[in-house]
Amino acid sequence: STLDRSSAASDVYKRQVTNTPKVVMLRVGERTFHTTAETLTERSDYFKAYFSGKWTIPTMEDGSIFIDADGEAFEHVLRYLRRGVFPLAFDAAKGHNYHLYTSILEEAIYFQCHHLVTWLKDQCYHKSVTWHTSIKEVEGETIAVTGDGSARAMSIVRAGTKDIKIYICPRGIYVHRGEPSKCGRQCRNAQAGEEIEYDVEHIPLWHILKTEHNFNSEWMTDDG
């Protein structure tokens, strides 16, 4: 039956992969990679056909297999083949590395890594990392900012000044400055019905801009 033939073909393929040397050395461009046929064939139809046993695999003098591809981009493809983790190329300061994504996509198409191709073409890396920016206004000549490590980027920007009226003691007592409740009867007598005097202080205002990045693991693996 068709099912029997499919099962038999699958068994033959498994035996052929099993008979392939455990460690495979690949020469990709000027880079050399060590892996296994099982790793290469699990998520790549290209390597599945390559190691199917239908063709003789040419090797170099040192036993390596030459692959005509971009070594830097292939490194990311191989990482995907090993664990099924998509190559998120994101830096908090620079953002996504679109040039690298394009290079990886070209190799993913060539090596027929269908899930990786879909992830790159659909730009799922935008869903793999999201961010939220908050702005907080604080005042003072000096400010102290603390965090728990969740903030990936932070900046402090001068936002202007705020004018504050400061109470002046009618007797000129400095420790009473800004605190009329400290003035007693003698201070009130010194006021003698005159208008209360105030000084004006210019308090700096600051905006604290904080960006927090969230990495969504369900979009970063092919089983997510």
Protein backbone atom coordinates (compact mmCIF):
# COMPACT_ATOMS: atom_id res chain seq x y z
CA SER A 1 0.00 0.00 0.00
CA THR A 2 0.98 3.67 -0.27
CA LEU A 3 1.30 3.90 3.53
CA ASP A 4 3.63 0.89 3.62
CA ARG A 5 5.81 2.31 0.85
CA SER A 6 5.99 5.69 2.66
CA SER A 7 6.93 3.98 5.91
CA ALA A 8 9.58 1.89 4.18
CA ALA A 9 11.04 4.98 2.48
CA SER A 10 11.18 6.73 5.83
CA ASP A 11 13.00 3.78 7.38
CA VAL A 12 15.51 3.76 4.52
CA TYR A 13 16.12 7.50 4.96
CA LYS A 14 16.68 7.09 8.70
CA ARG A 15 19.20 4.28 8.08
CA GLN A 16 21.01 6.42 5.51
CA VAL A 17 21.28 9.37 7.91
CA THR A 18 22.37 7.02 10.69
CA ASN A 19 25.11 5.64 8.45
CA THR A 20 26.41 9.12 7.72
CA PRO A 21 29.48 10.02 9.83
CA LYS A 22 28.37 11.35 13.22
CA VAL A 23 30.33 14.60 12.86
CA VAL A 24 30.03 16.49 9.59
CA MET A 25 32.55 19.22 8.77
CA LEU A 26 31.24 21.90 6.45
CA ARG A 27 33.40 24.43 4.63
CA VAL A 28 31.13 27.41 3.93
CA GLY A 29 32.96 30.20 2.17
CA GLU A 30 36.03 30.75 4.37
CA ARG A 31 34.31 29.41 7.51
CA THR A 32 34.36 25.88 8.87
CA PHE A 33 31.48 24.39 10.86
CA HIS A 34 31.17 21.09 12.73
CA THR A 35 27.74 19.55 13.15
CA THR A 36 25.84 16.31 12.45
CA ALA A 37 23.75 15.08 9.56
CA GLU A 38 20.81 14.70 11.92
CA THR A 39 20.99 18.37 12.85
CA LEU A 40 21.26 19.46 9.23
CA THR A 41 18.38 17.33 7.97
CA GLU A 42 15.76 17.92 10.65
CA ARG A 43 14.69 21.40 9.45
CA SER A 44 16.23 21.65 5.97
CA ASP A 45 14.82 19.94 2.90
CA TYR A 46 18.05 20.79 1.06
CA PHE A 47 20.21 18.79 3.46
CA LYS A 48 17.54 16.11 3.77
CA ALA A 49 17.95 15.46 0.04
CA TYR A 50 21.72 15.99 0.23
CA PHE A 51 22.15 13.21 2.78
CA SER A 52 19.43 10.95 1.36
CA GLY A 53 21.99 8.57 -0.12
CA LYS A 54 20.82 9.18 -3.68
CA TRP A 55 24.00 11.01 -4.61
CA THR A 56 27.68 10.69 -3.82
CA ILE A 57 28.75 13.46 -1.47
CA PRO A 58 31.98 15.05 -2.69
CA THR A 59 34.48 15.90 0.03
CA MET A 60 37.68 17.90 0.18
CA GLU A 61 41.08 16.49 1.12
CA ASP A 62 40.48 17.09 4.83
CA GLY A 63 37.11 15.29 4.63
CA SER A 64 35.05 18.50 4.80
CA ILE A 65 32.08 19.19 2.56
CA PHE A 66 32.25 22.44 0.62
CA ILE A 67 29.06 24.53 0.59
CA ASP A 68 28.98 27.59 -1.65
CA ALA A 69 27.20 30.06 0.63
CA ASP A 70 27.70 33.13 2.81
CA GLY A 71 29.55 31.90 5.89
CA GLU A 72 28.32 34.67 8.20
CA ALA A 73 24.67 34.16 7.25
CA PHE A 74 25.03 30.37 7.34
CA GLU A 75 26.19 30.60 10.96
CA HIS A 76 22.72 31.89 11.87
CA VAL A 77 21.01 29.28 9.69
CA LEU A 78 22.97 26.53 11.45
CA ARG A 79 22.02 27.89 14.88
CA TYR A 80 18.40 27.66 13.79
CA LEU A 81 18.89 24.10 12.51
CA ARG A 82 20.37 23.07 15.84
CA ARG A 83 17.66 24.33 18.19
CA GLY A 84 14.82 25.76 16.11
CA VAL A 85 15.48 29.25 17.52
CA PHE A 86 15.00 32.06 15.02
CA PRO A 87 17.90 34.52 14.54
CA LEU A 88 16.71 37.65 16.33
CA ALA A 89 19.24 40.37 15.43
CA PHE A 90 18.17 43.23 17.68
CA ASP A 91 20.14 45.86 19.56
CA ALA A 92 18.44 48.21 22.03
CA ALA A 93 20.37 51.20 20.69
CA LYS A 94 20.38 50.39 16.95
CA GLY A 95 17.20 48.36 16.50
CA HIS A 96 16.88 45.43 14.08
CA ASN A 97 19.70 44.47 11.69
CA TYR A 98 17.66 44.32 8.48
CA HIS A 99 20.73 43.79 6.30
CA LEU A 100 21.54 40.61 8.22
CA TYR A 101 17.92 39.45 8.01
CA THR A 102 18.08 39.83 4.22
CA SER A 103 21.30 37.80 4.01
CA ILE A 104 19.88 35.04 6.22
CA LEU A 105 16.68 34.94 4.17
CA GLU A 106 18.64 34.31 0.97
CA GLU A 107 20.42 31.34 2.56
CA ALA A 108 17.23 30.06 4.23
CA ILE A 109 15.54 29.95 0.82
CA TYR A 110 18.52 28.16 -0.71
CA PHE A 111 18.68 25.56 2.08
CA GLN A 112 14.88 25.19 2.06
CA CYS A 113 14.31 25.98 5.73
CA HIS A 114 10.62 26.71 5.28
CA HIS A 115 9.72 27.87 8.80
CA LEU A 116 12.73 30.18 8.90
CA VAL A 117 11.80 31.62 5.50
CA THR A 118 8.25 32.32 6.70
CA TRP A 119 9.50 33.95 9.92
CA LEU A 120 11.76 36.29 7.96
CA LYS A 121 9.37 37.07 5.11
CA ASP A 122 6.51 37.82 7.51
CA GLN A 123 8.87 39.98 9.60
CA CYS A 124 7.97 38.09 12.76
CA TYR A 125 11.05 39.58 14.41
CA HIS A 126 8.91 42.69 14.97
CA LYS A 127 6.61 40.53 17.11
CA SER A 128 9.54 38.90 18.90
CA VAL A 129 10.51 42.13 20.65
CA THR A 130 8.19 44.97 21.64
CA TRP A 131 8.82 48.07 23.71
CA HIS A 132 7.08 50.65 25.85
CA THR A 133 8.32 54.18 26.49
CA SER A 134 7.29 56.19 29.56
CA ILE A 135 7.99 59.83 30.50
CA LYS A 136 8.19 61.04 34.11
CA GLU A 137 8.63 64.66 35.14
CA VAL A 138 10.74 65.43 38.21
CA GLU A 139 12.07 68.65 39.69
CA GLY A 140 15.23 69.63 41.53
CA GLU A 141 18.79 70.81 41.07
CA THR A 142 19.96 67.21 41.22
CA ILE A 143 17.98 64.04 40.65
CA ALA A 144 18.60 60.38 41.39
CA VAL A 145 17.26 57.61 39.16
CA THR A 146 17.07 53.97 40.17
CA GLY A 147 15.89 50.89 38.30
CA ASP A 148 15.57 47.13 38.50
CA GLY A 149 17.33 46.31 35.24
CA SER A 150 14.18 46.03 33.12
CA ALA A 151 14.88 49.34 31.38
CA ARG A 152 16.90 48.88 28.18
CA ALA A 153 17.31 52.59 27.42
CA MET A 154 17.02 55.72 29.54
CA SER A 155 17.63 59.41 28.99
CA ILE A 156 17.22 62.54 31.12
CA VAL A 157 16.23 65.76 29.34
CA ARG A 158 16.01 69.29 30.78
CA ALA A 159 12.37 70.33 30.39
CA GLY A 160 12.49 73.92 31.67
CA THR A 161 11.96 75.55 35.07
CA LYS A 162 9.21 75.88 37.63
CA ASP A 163 8.78 79.09 39.67
CA ILE A 164 8.09 78.53 43.36
CA LYS A 165 7.15 81.27 45.88
CA ILE A 166 9.22 81.04 49.06
CA TYR A 167 7.97 82.68 52.28
CA ILE A 168 10.34 85.25 53.83
CA CYS A 169 10.31 85.77 57.58
CA PRO A 170 9.62 89.45 58.44
CA ARG A 171 12.51 89.31 60.91
CA GLY A 172 14.81 87.86 58.26
CA ILE A 173 15.42 84.61 60.17
CA TYR A 174 16.80 82.18 57.59
CA VAL A 175 15.58 78.98 59.27
CA HIS A 176 12.02 80.36 58.95
CA ARG A 177 12.47 80.75 55.18
CA GLY A 178 9.76 78.86 53.34
CA GLU A 179 8.15 77.72 56.60
CA PRO A 180 5.77 80.37 58.02
CA SER A 181 4.66 77.95 60.74
CA LYS A 182 8.03 78.48 62.45
CA CYS A 183 7.35 82.17 62.89
CA GLY A 184 6.04 83.05 66.37
CA ARG A 185 4.54 86.14 68.01
CA GLN A 186 7.64 88.27 67.56
CA CYS A 187 7.66 87.56 63.83
CA ARG A 188 3.98 88.41 63.56
CA ASN A 189 4.52 91.66 65.47
CA ALA A 190 7.35 92.50 63.10
CA GLN A 191 4.97 91.98 60.22
CA ALA A 192 2.93 94.92 61.58
CA GLY A 193 0.15 94.49 59.05
CA GLU A 194 2.51 94.65 56.09
CA GLU A 195 2.04 92.29 53.15
CA ILE A 196 3.83 88.99 53.43
CA GLU A 197 6.97 88.95 51.33
CA TYR A 198 7.94 86.09 49.08
CA ASP A 199 11.03 85.21 47.15
CA VAL A 200 10.89 83.34 43.85
CA GLU A 201 13.08 80.30 43.18
CA HIS A 202 13.50 78.77 39.76
CA ILE A 203 13.48 74.99 40.12
CA PRO A 204 14.79 72.94 37.17
CA LEU A 205 12.36 70.45 35.63
CA TRP A 206 13.55 67.18 34.11
CA HIS A 207 11.93 64.56 31.92
CA ILE A 208 13.07 60.98 32.45
CA LEU A 209 12.43 58.91 29.32
CA LYS A 210 12.57 55.19 29.95
CA THR A 211 12.18 52.47 27.31
CA GLU A 212 11.49 48.91 28.38
CA HIS A 213 11.84 46.04 25.89
CA ASN A 214 9.87 42.84 26.12
CA PHE A 215 11.08 39.70 24.38
CA ASN A 216 8.24 37.40 23.34
CA SER A 217 9.65 33.88 23.31
CA GLU A 218 6.60 32.39 21.59
CA TRP A 219 7.62 34.20 18.39
CA MET A 220 11.28 33.17 18.60
CA THR A 221 11.09 29.40 18.07
CA ASP A 222 9.55 27.26 15.35
CA ASP A 223 7.41 25.45 17.92
CA GLY A 224 6.00 28.68 19.35
